[in-house]
N, C-alpha and C. Protein backbone atom coordinates (compact mmCIF):
# COMPACT_ATOMS: atom_id res chain seq x y z
N UNK A 1 17.12 -33.33 20.98
CA UNK A 1 17.16 -32.26 19.98
C UNK A 1 15.75 -31.71 19.74
N UNK A 2 15.63 -30.40 19.74
CA UNK A 2 14.34 -29.73 19.53
C UNK A 2 13.79 -29.99 18.14
N UNK A 3 12.46 -30.11 18.05
CA UNK A 3 11.81 -30.08 16.74
C UNK A 3 11.99 -28.68 16.18
N UNK A 4 12.18 -28.58 14.87
CA UNK A 4 12.30 -27.26 14.23
C UNK A 4 10.99 -26.98 13.51
N UNK A 5 10.31 -25.93 13.97
CA UNK A 5 9.02 -25.55 13.40
C UNK A 5 9.17 -24.22 12.67
N UNK A 6 8.69 -24.16 11.45
CA UNK A 6 8.69 -22.91 10.70
C UNK A 6 7.35 -22.21 10.88
N UNK A 7 7.38 -20.89 10.86
CA UNK A 7 6.15 -20.08 10.95
C UNK A 7 6.21 -19.04 9.85
N UNK A 8 5.22 -19.09 8.95
CA UNK A 8 5.28 -18.18 7.80
C UNK A 8 3.89 -17.63 7.49
N UNK A 9 3.86 -16.68 6.60
CA UNK A 9 2.61 -16.04 6.19
C UNK A 9 2.96 -14.82 5.37
N UNK A 10 2.05 -14.39 4.55
CA UNK A 10 2.30 -13.22 3.72
C UNK A 10 2.40 -11.95 4.56
N UNK A 11 2.84 -10.89 3.93
CA UNK A 11 2.94 -9.58 4.59
C UNK A 11 1.57 -9.21 5.16
N UNK A 12 1.55 -8.80 6.44
CA UNK A 12 0.31 -8.38 7.09
C UNK A 12 -0.56 -9.52 7.58
N UNK A 13 -0.04 -10.75 7.57
CA UNK A 13 -0.86 -11.90 7.99
C UNK A 13 -0.98 -12.01 9.50
N UNK A 14 -0.05 -11.40 10.23
CA UNK A 14 -0.08 -11.48 11.69
C UNK A 14 0.81 -12.58 12.25
N UNK A 15 1.82 -13.01 11.47
CA UNK A 15 2.67 -14.09 11.96
C UNK A 15 3.47 -13.67 13.19
N UNK A 16 3.80 -12.38 13.30
CA UNK A 16 4.53 -11.92 14.50
C UNK A 16 3.65 -12.01 15.74
N UNK A 17 2.37 -11.75 15.58
CA UNK A 17 1.42 -11.89 16.70
C UNK A 17 1.36 -13.34 17.15
N UNK A 18 1.28 -14.26 16.18
CA UNK A 18 1.25 -15.69 16.49
C UNK A 18 2.56 -16.09 17.17
N UNK A 19 3.68 -15.58 16.68
CA UNK A 19 5.00 -15.89 17.28
C UNK A 19 5.03 -15.46 18.73
N UNK A 20 4.45 -14.28 19.04
CA UNK A 20 4.45 -13.79 20.43
C UNK A 20 3.65 -14.71 21.34
N UNK A 21 2.57 -15.30 20.83
CA UNK A 21 1.78 -16.24 21.65
C UNK A 21 2.63 -17.46 21.98
N UNK A 22 3.35 -17.99 20.98
CA UNK A 22 4.24 -19.13 21.24
C UNK A 22 5.31 -18.75 22.27
N UNK A 23 5.82 -17.51 22.19
CA UNK A 23 6.85 -17.07 23.14
C UNK A 23 6.29 -17.03 24.57
N UNK A 24 5.04 -16.59 24.72
CA UNK A 24 4.40 -16.57 26.04
C UNK A 24 4.32 -17.99 26.61
N UNK A 25 4.18 -18.99 25.72
CA UNK A 25 4.13 -20.39 26.14
C UNK A 25 5.53 -20.95 26.44
N UNK A 26 6.55 -20.10 26.32
CA UNK A 26 7.91 -20.52 26.65
C UNK A 26 8.69 -21.11 25.49
N UNK A 27 8.19 -20.91 24.28
CA UNK A 27 8.86 -21.46 23.10
C UNK A 27 9.76 -20.39 22.48
N UNK A 28 11.05 -20.70 22.30
CA UNK A 28 11.94 -19.72 21.68
C UNK A 28 11.61 -19.50 20.20
N UNK A 29 11.68 -18.25 19.77
CA UNK A 29 11.35 -17.89 18.39
C UNK A 29 12.52 -17.14 17.77
N UNK A 30 12.94 -17.59 16.60
CA UNK A 30 13.98 -16.90 15.82
C UNK A 30 13.26 -16.07 14.75
N UNK A 31 13.44 -14.77 14.79
CA UNK A 31 12.81 -13.86 13.83
C UNK A 31 13.79 -13.62 12.67
N UNK A 32 13.55 -14.30 11.55
CA UNK A 32 14.48 -14.23 10.41
C UNK A 32 14.57 -12.82 9.84
N UNK A 33 13.45 -12.08 9.81
CA UNK A 33 13.48 -10.72 9.26
C UNK A 33 14.34 -9.80 10.12
N UNK A 34 14.19 -9.92 11.45
CA UNK A 34 15.00 -9.10 12.37
C UNK A 34 16.47 -9.50 12.26
N UNK A 35 16.72 -10.82 12.12
CA UNK A 35 18.10 -11.29 11.99
C UNK A 35 18.74 -10.74 10.72
N UNK A 36 17.97 -10.75 9.63
CA UNK A 36 18.49 -10.22 8.35
C UNK A 36 18.85 -8.74 8.49
N UNK A 37 18.00 -7.97 9.20
CA UNK A 37 18.29 -6.54 9.40
C UNK A 37 19.57 -6.36 10.21
N UNK A 38 19.73 -7.19 11.25
CA UNK A 38 20.94 -7.12 12.09
C UNK A 38 22.18 -7.43 11.25
N UNK A 39 22.10 -8.50 10.49
CA UNK A 39 23.24 -8.90 9.64
C UNK A 39 23.59 -7.79 8.66
N UNK A 40 22.56 -7.18 8.06
CA UNK A 40 22.79 -6.13 7.07
C UNK A 40 23.42 -4.88 7.70
N UNK A 41 23.23 -4.70 9.00
CA UNK A 41 23.82 -3.55 9.69
C UNK A 41 25.17 -3.85 10.33
N UNK A 42 25.46 -5.14 10.59
CA UNK A 42 26.67 -5.46 11.35
C UNK A 42 27.76 -6.15 10.55
N UNK A 43 27.40 -6.87 9.49
CA UNK A 43 28.38 -7.63 8.71
C UNK A 43 29.04 -6.70 7.69
N UNK A 44 30.30 -6.33 7.98
CA UNK A 44 30.99 -5.34 7.14
C UNK A 44 31.16 -5.81 5.69
N UNK A 45 31.44 -7.10 5.52
CA UNK A 45 31.59 -7.64 4.17
C UNK A 45 30.30 -7.54 3.38
N UNK A 46 29.19 -7.85 4.05
CA UNK A 46 27.87 -7.76 3.41
C UNK A 46 27.53 -6.31 3.07
N UNK A 47 27.85 -5.40 3.98
CA UNK A 47 27.60 -3.96 3.74
C UNK A 47 28.29 -3.50 2.45
N UNK A 48 29.55 -3.92 2.30
CA UNK A 48 30.31 -3.52 1.11
C UNK A 48 29.66 -4.05 -0.16
N UNK A 49 29.19 -5.30 -0.11
CA UNK A 49 28.54 -5.89 -1.29
C UNK A 49 27.22 -5.17 -1.60
N UNK A 50 26.47 -4.80 -0.57
CA UNK A 50 25.19 -4.09 -0.78
C UNK A 50 25.46 -2.72 -1.39
N UNK A 51 26.49 -2.02 -0.87
CA UNK A 51 26.81 -0.70 -1.42
C UNK A 51 27.30 -0.80 -2.86
N UNK A 52 28.05 -1.86 -3.16
CA UNK A 52 28.53 -2.05 -4.53
C UNK A 52 27.36 -2.26 -5.49
N UNK A 53 26.32 -2.95 -5.02
CA UNK A 53 25.15 -3.22 -5.87
C UNK A 53 24.17 -2.07 -5.94
N UNK A 54 23.95 -1.39 -4.80
CA UNK A 54 22.86 -0.41 -4.71
C UNK A 54 23.31 1.02 -4.46
N UNK A 55 24.62 1.22 -4.36
CA UNK A 55 25.13 2.58 -4.19
C UNK A 55 25.43 2.91 -2.73
N UNK A 56 26.28 3.92 -2.56
CA UNK A 56 26.71 4.37 -1.22
C UNK A 56 25.52 4.83 -0.37
N UNK A 57 24.44 5.27 -1.05
CA UNK A 57 23.26 5.79 -0.32
C UNK A 57 22.54 4.68 0.46
N UNK A 58 22.94 3.43 0.24
CA UNK A 58 22.31 2.30 0.95
C UNK A 58 22.53 2.40 2.46
N UNK A 59 23.63 3.09 2.83
CA UNK A 59 23.96 3.26 4.26
C UNK A 59 24.22 4.72 4.54
N UNK A 60 23.78 5.14 5.73
CA UNK A 60 24.07 6.50 6.18
C UNK A 60 24.64 6.37 7.58
N UNK A 61 25.86 6.85 7.79
CA UNK A 61 26.56 6.68 9.07
C UNK A 61 26.58 5.22 9.51
N UNK A 62 26.76 4.32 8.54
CA UNK A 62 26.87 2.90 8.84
C UNK A 62 25.55 2.18 9.07
N UNK A 63 24.44 2.91 8.95
CA UNK A 63 23.11 2.31 9.20
C UNK A 63 22.37 2.11 7.87
N UNK A 64 21.84 0.92 7.69
CA UNK A 64 21.10 0.58 6.48
C UNK A 64 19.91 1.53 6.29
N UNK A 65 19.78 2.06 5.08
CA UNK A 65 18.64 2.93 4.74
C UNK A 65 17.56 2.05 4.11
N UNK A 66 16.71 1.48 4.95
CA UNK A 66 15.75 0.48 4.51
C UNK A 66 14.76 1.02 3.49
N UNK A 67 14.29 2.24 3.68
CA UNK A 67 13.30 2.81 2.75
C UNK A 67 13.93 2.99 1.36
N UNK A 68 15.16 3.47 1.35
CA UNK A 68 15.89 3.65 0.09
C UNK A 68 16.02 2.32 -0.64
N UNK A 69 16.44 1.29 0.10
CA UNK A 69 16.64 -0.04 -0.49
C UNK A 69 15.31 -0.65 -0.93
N UNK A 70 14.28 -0.50 -0.10
CA UNK A 70 12.96 -1.04 -0.44
C UNK A 70 12.43 -0.44 -1.73
N UNK A 71 12.63 0.86 -1.91
CA UNK A 71 12.16 1.52 -3.13
C UNK A 71 12.81 0.94 -4.38
N UNK A 72 14.05 0.48 -4.24
CA UNK A 72 14.75 -0.12 -5.39
C UNK A 72 14.25 -1.55 -5.61
N UNK A 73 14.33 -2.38 -4.56
CA UNK A 73 14.09 -3.82 -4.76
C UNK A 73 12.63 -4.17 -5.00
N UNK A 74 11.70 -3.38 -4.45
CA UNK A 74 10.29 -3.71 -4.67
C UNK A 74 9.81 -3.26 -6.05
N UNK A 75 10.68 -2.57 -6.78
CA UNK A 75 10.33 -2.16 -8.14
C UNK A 75 11.20 -2.83 -9.20
N UNK A 76 12.06 -3.75 -8.77
CA UNK A 76 12.96 -4.40 -9.71
C UNK A 76 13.22 -5.84 -9.24
N UNK A 77 12.60 -6.79 -9.91
CA UNK A 77 12.68 -8.20 -9.50
C UNK A 77 14.12 -8.71 -9.46
N UNK A 78 14.94 -8.30 -10.42
CA UNK A 78 16.33 -8.76 -10.47
C UNK A 78 17.10 -8.24 -9.26
N UNK A 79 16.91 -6.96 -8.93
CA UNK A 79 17.61 -6.36 -7.77
C UNK A 79 17.19 -7.06 -6.48
N UNK A 80 15.90 -7.40 -6.36
CA UNK A 80 15.41 -8.11 -5.18
C UNK A 80 16.09 -9.48 -5.08
N UNK A 81 16.20 -10.15 -6.21
CA UNK A 81 16.85 -11.46 -6.26
C UNK A 81 18.32 -11.34 -5.84
N UNK A 82 18.98 -10.30 -6.32
CA UNK A 82 20.40 -10.10 -5.98
C UNK A 82 20.58 -9.82 -4.49
N UNK A 83 19.68 -9.01 -3.92
CA UNK A 83 19.76 -8.71 -2.49
C UNK A 83 19.53 -9.98 -1.68
N UNK A 84 18.50 -10.75 -2.04
CA UNK A 84 18.19 -11.99 -1.33
C UNK A 84 19.35 -12.99 -1.41
N UNK A 85 20.01 -13.03 -2.56
CA UNK A 85 21.15 -13.94 -2.75
C UNK A 85 22.30 -13.60 -1.80
N UNK A 86 22.40 -12.33 -1.42
CA UNK A 86 23.43 -11.90 -0.47
C UNK A 86 23.01 -12.18 0.98
N UNK A 87 21.76 -11.87 1.29
CA UNK A 87 21.30 -11.87 2.69
C UNK A 87 20.81 -13.23 3.18
N UNK A 88 20.07 -13.97 2.33
CA UNK A 88 19.47 -15.23 2.78
C UNK A 88 20.46 -16.27 3.30
N UNK A 89 21.57 -16.54 2.58
CA UNK A 89 22.49 -17.57 3.09
C UNK A 89 23.01 -17.26 4.50
N UNK A 90 23.35 -16.00 4.75
CA UNK A 90 23.87 -15.61 6.08
C UNK A 90 22.79 -15.76 7.15
N UNK A 91 21.55 -15.40 6.82
CA UNK A 91 20.45 -15.51 7.77
C UNK A 91 20.13 -16.98 8.07
N UNK A 92 20.12 -17.81 7.03
CA UNK A 92 19.83 -19.24 7.20
C UNK A 92 20.90 -19.89 8.08
N UNK A 93 22.17 -19.54 7.86
CA UNK A 93 23.26 -20.10 8.66
C UNK A 93 23.10 -19.71 10.13
N UNK A 94 22.74 -18.46 10.38
CA UNK A 94 22.55 -17.97 11.76
C UNK A 94 21.38 -18.73 12.40
N UNK A 95 20.29 -18.90 11.66
CA UNK A 95 19.11 -19.60 12.18
C UNK A 95 19.43 -21.05 12.52
N UNK A 96 20.20 -21.72 11.66
CA UNK A 96 20.56 -23.12 11.91
C UNK A 96 21.42 -23.26 13.16
N UNK A 97 22.36 -22.34 13.32
CA UNK A 97 23.23 -22.35 14.49
C UNK A 97 22.40 -22.11 15.76
N UNK A 98 21.46 -21.16 15.70
CA UNK A 98 20.57 -20.85 16.83
C UNK A 98 19.72 -22.09 17.18
N UNK A 99 19.16 -22.75 16.17
CA UNK A 99 18.27 -23.90 16.40
C UNK A 99 19.02 -25.04 17.10
N UNK A 100 20.31 -25.22 16.75
CA UNK A 100 21.11 -26.29 17.37
C UNK A 100 21.26 -26.08 18.88
N UNK A 101 21.17 -24.83 19.32
CA UNK A 101 21.40 -24.52 20.73
C UNK A 101 20.14 -24.62 21.59
N UNK A 102 18.98 -24.82 20.97
CA UNK A 102 17.72 -24.83 21.73
C UNK A 102 17.52 -26.15 22.45
N UNK A 103 16.97 -26.07 23.67
CA UNK A 103 16.77 -27.27 24.49
C UNK A 103 15.30 -27.53 24.79
N UNK A 104 14.41 -26.66 24.34
CA UNK A 104 12.97 -26.85 24.55
C UNK A 104 12.48 -27.96 23.61
N UNK A 105 11.28 -28.54 23.86
CA UNK A 105 10.80 -29.62 22.99
C UNK A 105 10.74 -29.22 21.51
N UNK A 106 10.46 -27.94 21.25
CA UNK A 106 10.49 -27.44 19.88
C UNK A 106 10.83 -25.95 19.89
N UNK A 107 11.34 -25.47 18.78
CA UNK A 107 11.60 -24.04 18.62
C UNK A 107 11.01 -23.60 17.29
N UNK A 108 10.83 -22.31 17.16
CA UNK A 108 10.16 -21.76 15.97
C UNK A 108 11.07 -20.77 15.25
N UNK A 109 11.08 -20.91 13.93
CA UNK A 109 11.75 -19.91 13.09
C UNK A 109 10.65 -19.19 12.32
N UNK A 110 10.53 -17.90 12.56
CA UNK A 110 9.52 -17.08 11.88
C UNK A 110 10.18 -16.42 10.67
N UNK A 111 9.61 -16.66 9.47
CA UNK A 111 10.17 -16.07 8.25
C UNK A 111 9.08 -15.89 7.21
N UNK A 112 9.15 -14.81 6.47
CA UNK A 112 8.16 -14.55 5.42
C UNK A 112 8.41 -15.41 4.19
N UNK A 113 9.68 -15.70 3.92
CA UNK A 113 10.04 -16.33 2.64
C UNK A 113 10.64 -17.73 2.80
N UNK A 114 9.96 -18.61 3.48
CA UNK A 114 10.47 -19.98 3.67
C UNK A 114 10.67 -20.70 2.35
N UNK A 115 9.63 -20.72 1.54
CA UNK A 115 9.66 -21.52 0.31
C UNK A 115 10.48 -20.82 -0.77
N UNK A 116 10.41 -19.48 -0.77
CA UNK A 116 11.12 -18.71 -1.79
C UNK A 116 12.64 -18.73 -1.56
N UNK A 117 13.07 -18.80 -0.29
CA UNK A 117 14.51 -18.66 0.02
C UNK A 117 15.23 -19.99 0.15
N UNK A 118 14.47 -21.09 0.16
CA UNK A 118 15.10 -22.39 0.35
C UNK A 118 15.34 -22.73 1.81
N UNK A 119 14.84 -21.88 2.73
CA UNK A 119 15.09 -22.14 4.16
C UNK A 119 14.12 -23.13 4.77
N UNK A 120 13.22 -23.70 3.95
CA UNK A 120 12.32 -24.75 4.47
C UNK A 120 13.08 -26.06 4.66
N UNK A 121 14.24 -26.18 4.05
CA UNK A 121 15.07 -27.39 4.19
C UNK A 121 15.48 -27.54 5.66
N UNK A 122 15.32 -28.75 6.19
CA UNK A 122 15.74 -29.00 7.58
C UNK A 122 14.71 -28.62 8.62
N UNK A 123 13.56 -28.10 8.18
CA UNK A 123 12.48 -27.76 9.11
C UNK A 123 11.54 -28.97 9.19
N UNK A 124 11.14 -29.33 10.42
CA UNK A 124 10.29 -30.52 10.59
C UNK A 124 8.84 -30.28 10.14
N UNK A 125 8.27 -29.13 10.54
CA UNK A 125 6.90 -28.79 10.16
C UNK A 125 6.82 -27.29 9.95
N UNK A 126 5.93 -26.87 9.04
CA UNK A 126 5.74 -25.43 8.80
C UNK A 126 4.29 -25.06 9.06
N UNK A 127 4.12 -24.01 9.86
CA UNK A 127 2.80 -23.45 10.15
C UNK A 127 2.61 -22.22 9.26
N UNK A 128 1.50 -22.15 8.57
CA UNK A 128 1.16 -20.95 7.80
C UNK A 128 0.12 -20.14 8.55
N UNK A 129 0.25 -18.83 8.51
CA UNK A 129 -0.77 -17.94 9.09
C UNK A 129 -1.53 -17.34 7.91
N UNK A 130 -2.81 -17.68 7.83
CA UNK A 130 -3.63 -17.22 6.70
C UNK A 130 -4.54 -16.08 7.13
N UNK A 131 -4.51 -15.01 6.34
CA UNK A 131 -5.39 -13.86 6.54
C UNK A 131 -5.92 -13.42 5.18
N UNK A 132 -7.24 -13.15 5.06
CA UNK A 132 -7.77 -12.68 3.78
C UNK A 132 -7.02 -11.43 3.29
N UNK A 133 -6.87 -11.33 1.98
CA UNK A 133 -6.06 -10.26 1.39
C UNK A 133 -6.50 -8.86 1.81
N UNK A 134 -7.81 -8.60 1.85
CA UNK A 134 -8.27 -7.23 2.19
C UNK A 134 -7.81 -6.81 3.59
N UNK A 135 -7.77 -7.76 4.52
CA UNK A 135 -7.30 -7.45 5.88
C UNK A 135 -5.80 -7.20 5.88
N UNK A 136 -5.06 -8.00 5.12
CA UNK A 136 -3.61 -7.84 5.05
C UNK A 136 -3.25 -6.46 4.49
N UNK A 137 -3.95 -6.07 3.42
CA UNK A 137 -3.69 -4.76 2.79
C UNK A 137 -3.94 -3.65 3.80
N UNK A 138 -5.08 -3.72 4.48
CA UNK A 138 -5.46 -2.69 5.46
C UNK A 138 -4.41 -2.59 6.58
N UNK A 139 -4.00 -3.75 7.11
CA UNK A 139 -3.03 -3.76 8.22
C UNK A 139 -1.70 -3.14 7.82
N UNK A 140 -1.20 -3.50 6.63
CA UNK A 140 0.11 -3.00 6.20
C UNK A 140 0.04 -1.50 5.89
N UNK A 141 -1.07 -1.06 5.30
CA UNK A 141 -1.24 0.38 5.03
C UNK A 141 -1.17 1.16 6.34
N UNK A 142 -1.85 0.66 7.38
CA UNK A 142 -1.86 1.32 8.68
C UNK A 142 -0.49 1.26 9.35
N UNK A 143 0.11 0.06 9.33
CA UNK A 143 1.37 -0.17 10.04
C UNK A 143 2.53 0.61 9.43
N UNK A 144 2.65 0.57 8.09
CA UNK A 144 3.81 1.15 7.42
C UNK A 144 3.54 2.52 6.79
N UNK A 145 2.28 3.00 6.94
CA UNK A 145 1.92 4.29 6.35
C UNK A 145 2.24 4.34 4.86
N UNK A 146 1.75 3.32 4.14
CA UNK A 146 1.99 3.23 2.70
C UNK A 146 0.66 3.13 1.96
N UNK A 147 0.71 3.30 0.65
CA UNK A 147 -0.53 3.25 -0.14
C UNK A 147 -0.90 1.80 -0.44
N UNK A 148 -2.14 1.62 -0.87
CA UNK A 148 -2.62 0.30 -1.27
C UNK A 148 -1.75 -0.28 -2.39
N UNK A 149 -1.37 0.58 -3.35
CA UNK A 149 -0.56 0.15 -4.49
C UNK A 149 0.81 -0.36 -4.02
N UNK A 150 1.39 0.34 -3.02
CA UNK A 150 2.71 -0.08 -2.50
C UNK A 150 2.59 -1.45 -1.82
N UNK A 151 1.51 -1.66 -1.08
CA UNK A 151 1.30 -2.95 -0.40
C UNK A 151 1.15 -4.06 -1.45
N UNK A 152 0.34 -3.80 -2.48
CA UNK A 152 0.13 -4.80 -3.53
C UNK A 152 1.43 -5.13 -4.25
N UNK A 153 2.28 -4.11 -4.47
CA UNK A 153 3.57 -4.35 -5.13
C UNK A 153 4.42 -5.30 -4.28
N UNK A 154 4.40 -5.13 -2.96
CA UNK A 154 5.17 -6.02 -2.07
C UNK A 154 4.58 -7.43 -2.10
N UNK A 155 3.25 -7.50 -2.07
CA UNK A 155 2.58 -8.81 -2.08
C UNK A 155 2.92 -9.60 -3.33
N UNK A 156 3.03 -8.91 -4.45
CA UNK A 156 3.30 -9.60 -5.72
C UNK A 156 4.71 -10.16 -5.79
N UNK A 157 5.58 -9.73 -4.85
CA UNK A 157 6.94 -10.26 -4.79
C UNK A 157 6.99 -11.58 -4.01
N UNK A 158 5.90 -11.91 -3.32
CA UNK A 158 5.84 -13.14 -2.53
C UNK A 158 5.03 -14.19 -3.28
N UNK A 159 5.27 -15.44 -2.93
CA UNK A 159 4.53 -16.55 -3.51
C UNK A 159 3.04 -16.37 -3.21
N UNK A 160 2.17 -16.81 -4.12
CA UNK A 160 0.73 -16.70 -3.93
C UNK A 160 0.33 -17.27 -2.58
N UNK A 161 -0.52 -16.55 -1.85
CA UNK A 161 -0.88 -16.92 -0.48
C UNK A 161 -1.56 -18.28 -0.39
N UNK A 162 -2.47 -18.57 -1.31
CA UNK A 162 -3.16 -19.86 -1.28
C UNK A 162 -2.19 -21.01 -1.56
N UNK A 163 -1.26 -20.78 -2.48
CA UNK A 163 -0.22 -21.77 -2.76
C UNK A 163 0.66 -21.99 -1.53
N UNK A 164 1.03 -20.89 -0.88
CA UNK A 164 1.87 -20.97 0.31
C UNK A 164 1.20 -21.81 1.39
N UNK A 165 -0.10 -21.58 1.61
CA UNK A 165 -0.82 -22.32 2.66
C UNK A 165 -0.90 -23.82 2.32
N UNK A 166 -0.99 -24.14 1.03
CA UNK A 166 -1.03 -25.55 0.61
C UNK A 166 0.30 -26.24 0.90
N UNK A 167 1.39 -25.48 0.87
CA UNK A 167 2.71 -26.04 1.12
C UNK A 167 2.99 -26.24 2.62
N UNK A 168 2.16 -25.59 3.47
CA UNK A 168 2.35 -25.68 4.93
C UNK A 168 1.73 -26.96 5.49
N UNK A 169 2.28 -27.42 6.61
CA UNK A 169 1.76 -28.62 7.28
C UNK A 169 0.53 -28.29 8.13
N UNK A 170 0.49 -27.07 8.68
CA UNK A 170 -0.62 -26.62 9.52
C UNK A 170 -0.95 -25.18 9.14
N UNK A 171 -2.21 -24.79 9.29
CA UNK A 171 -2.61 -23.41 8.98
C UNK A 171 -3.39 -22.83 10.16
N UNK A 172 -2.97 -21.64 10.58
CA UNK A 172 -3.69 -20.85 11.60
C UNK A 172 -4.43 -19.77 10.84
N UNK A 173 -5.74 -19.64 11.10
CA UNK A 173 -6.55 -18.62 10.41
C UNK A 173 -6.63 -17.38 11.29
N UNK A 174 -6.17 -16.26 10.74
CA UNK A 174 -6.17 -14.98 11.46
C UNK A 174 -7.06 -13.99 10.71
N UNK A 175 -8.38 -14.25 10.78
CA UNK A 175 -9.32 -13.44 9.99
C UNK A 175 -10.18 -12.51 10.85
N UNK A 176 -9.77 -12.33 12.13
CA UNK A 176 -10.50 -11.49 13.09
C UNK A 176 -11.87 -12.07 13.43
N UNK A 177 -12.12 -13.33 13.02
CA UNK A 177 -13.35 -14.04 13.39
C UNK A 177 -13.00 -15.20 14.33
N UNK A 178 -11.94 -15.93 13.96
CA UNK A 178 -11.52 -17.07 14.77
C UNK A 178 -10.44 -16.63 15.75
N UNK A 179 -10.53 -17.13 16.99
CA UNK A 179 -9.56 -16.76 18.02
C UNK A 179 -8.21 -17.41 17.74
N UNK A 180 -7.15 -16.64 17.94
CA UNK A 180 -5.80 -17.14 17.67
C UNK A 180 -5.29 -18.07 18.78
N UNK A 181 -5.51 -17.69 20.04
CA UNK A 181 -4.90 -18.43 21.16
C UNK A 181 -5.30 -19.91 21.16
N UNK A 182 -6.60 -20.27 21.01
CA UNK A 182 -6.91 -21.70 20.99
C UNK A 182 -6.23 -22.45 19.85
N UNK A 183 -6.08 -21.80 18.69
CA UNK A 183 -5.40 -22.45 17.56
C UNK A 183 -3.92 -22.70 17.88
N UNK A 184 -3.28 -21.72 18.52
CA UNK A 184 -1.87 -21.87 18.89
C UNK A 184 -1.72 -22.94 19.97
N UNK A 185 -2.61 -22.92 20.97
CA UNK A 185 -2.54 -23.91 22.05
C UNK A 185 -2.69 -25.33 21.51
N UNK A 186 -3.58 -25.50 20.54
CA UNK A 186 -3.80 -26.82 19.93
C UNK A 186 -2.49 -27.32 19.29
N UNK A 187 -1.82 -26.44 18.53
CA UNK A 187 -0.56 -26.83 17.88
C UNK A 187 0.54 -27.06 18.91
N UNK A 188 0.56 -26.23 19.95
CA UNK A 188 1.55 -26.36 21.02
C UNK A 188 1.45 -27.76 21.64
N UNK A 189 0.23 -28.16 21.98
CA UNK A 189 0.02 -29.50 22.57
C UNK A 189 0.43 -30.59 21.58
N UNK A 190 0.12 -30.37 20.31
CA UNK A 190 0.46 -31.35 19.28
C UNK A 190 1.97 -31.55 19.20
N UNK A 191 2.73 -30.45 19.18
CA UNK A 191 4.18 -30.55 19.06
C UNK A 191 4.80 -31.17 20.32
N UNK A 192 4.24 -30.84 21.50
CA UNK A 192 4.72 -31.45 22.73
C UNK A 192 4.48 -32.96 22.70
N UNK A 193 3.31 -33.37 22.20
CA UNK A 193 2.99 -34.80 22.15
C UNK A 193 3.90 -35.53 21.16
N UNK A 194 4.26 -34.88 20.06
CA UNK A 194 5.17 -35.49 19.08
C UNK A 194 6.54 -35.74 19.72
N UNK A 195 6.95 -34.78 20.53
CA UNK A 195 8.27 -34.87 21.17
C UNK A 195 8.28 -35.97 22.22
N UNK A 196 7.12 -36.24 22.83
CA UNK A 196 7.06 -37.24 23.89
C UNK A 196 6.82 -38.66 23.40
N UNK A 197 6.58 -38.81 22.08
CA UNK A 197 6.32 -40.17 21.57
C UNK A 197 7.60 -40.82 21.09
């Protein structure tokens, strides 16, 4: 049975970049955010519940209107909680089923909200990707074409970054000073050695 490794980090930390390095090493990666988007677009029962909560405008021609939904949930903590209560259980179930099918020494589940969603349960080790806040803000502003205020509003919906890193078993520093690949290779060797003992 594969070791289950979690990979997390705040918005703009570069966890997807780290995930891609693990994939190049032949390690399967489950992207929880992408899975959640798929579920929200394909699960008809879930679509109905989302429309009941957030209005018919949540979908256009059967496709989730992410910007519309983001504008609601990132400005209303209760609405965000309600959306997560609908989406997280389905995503966690899909991730668990996927993990059972893996045959490599370890597999990775990449998710922004491990500790917040309760999906850290059943994970053997969690890697945190740490990036200083100013870099994270800059990256998200560039990537999503949003204002600094919008990025900060999203950040405030996540657990404090320093607290998150303390909860992780391992931390990769992505500060544009330290190289990522040697840090990933070190952890890769570590997980392989754990599996062989």
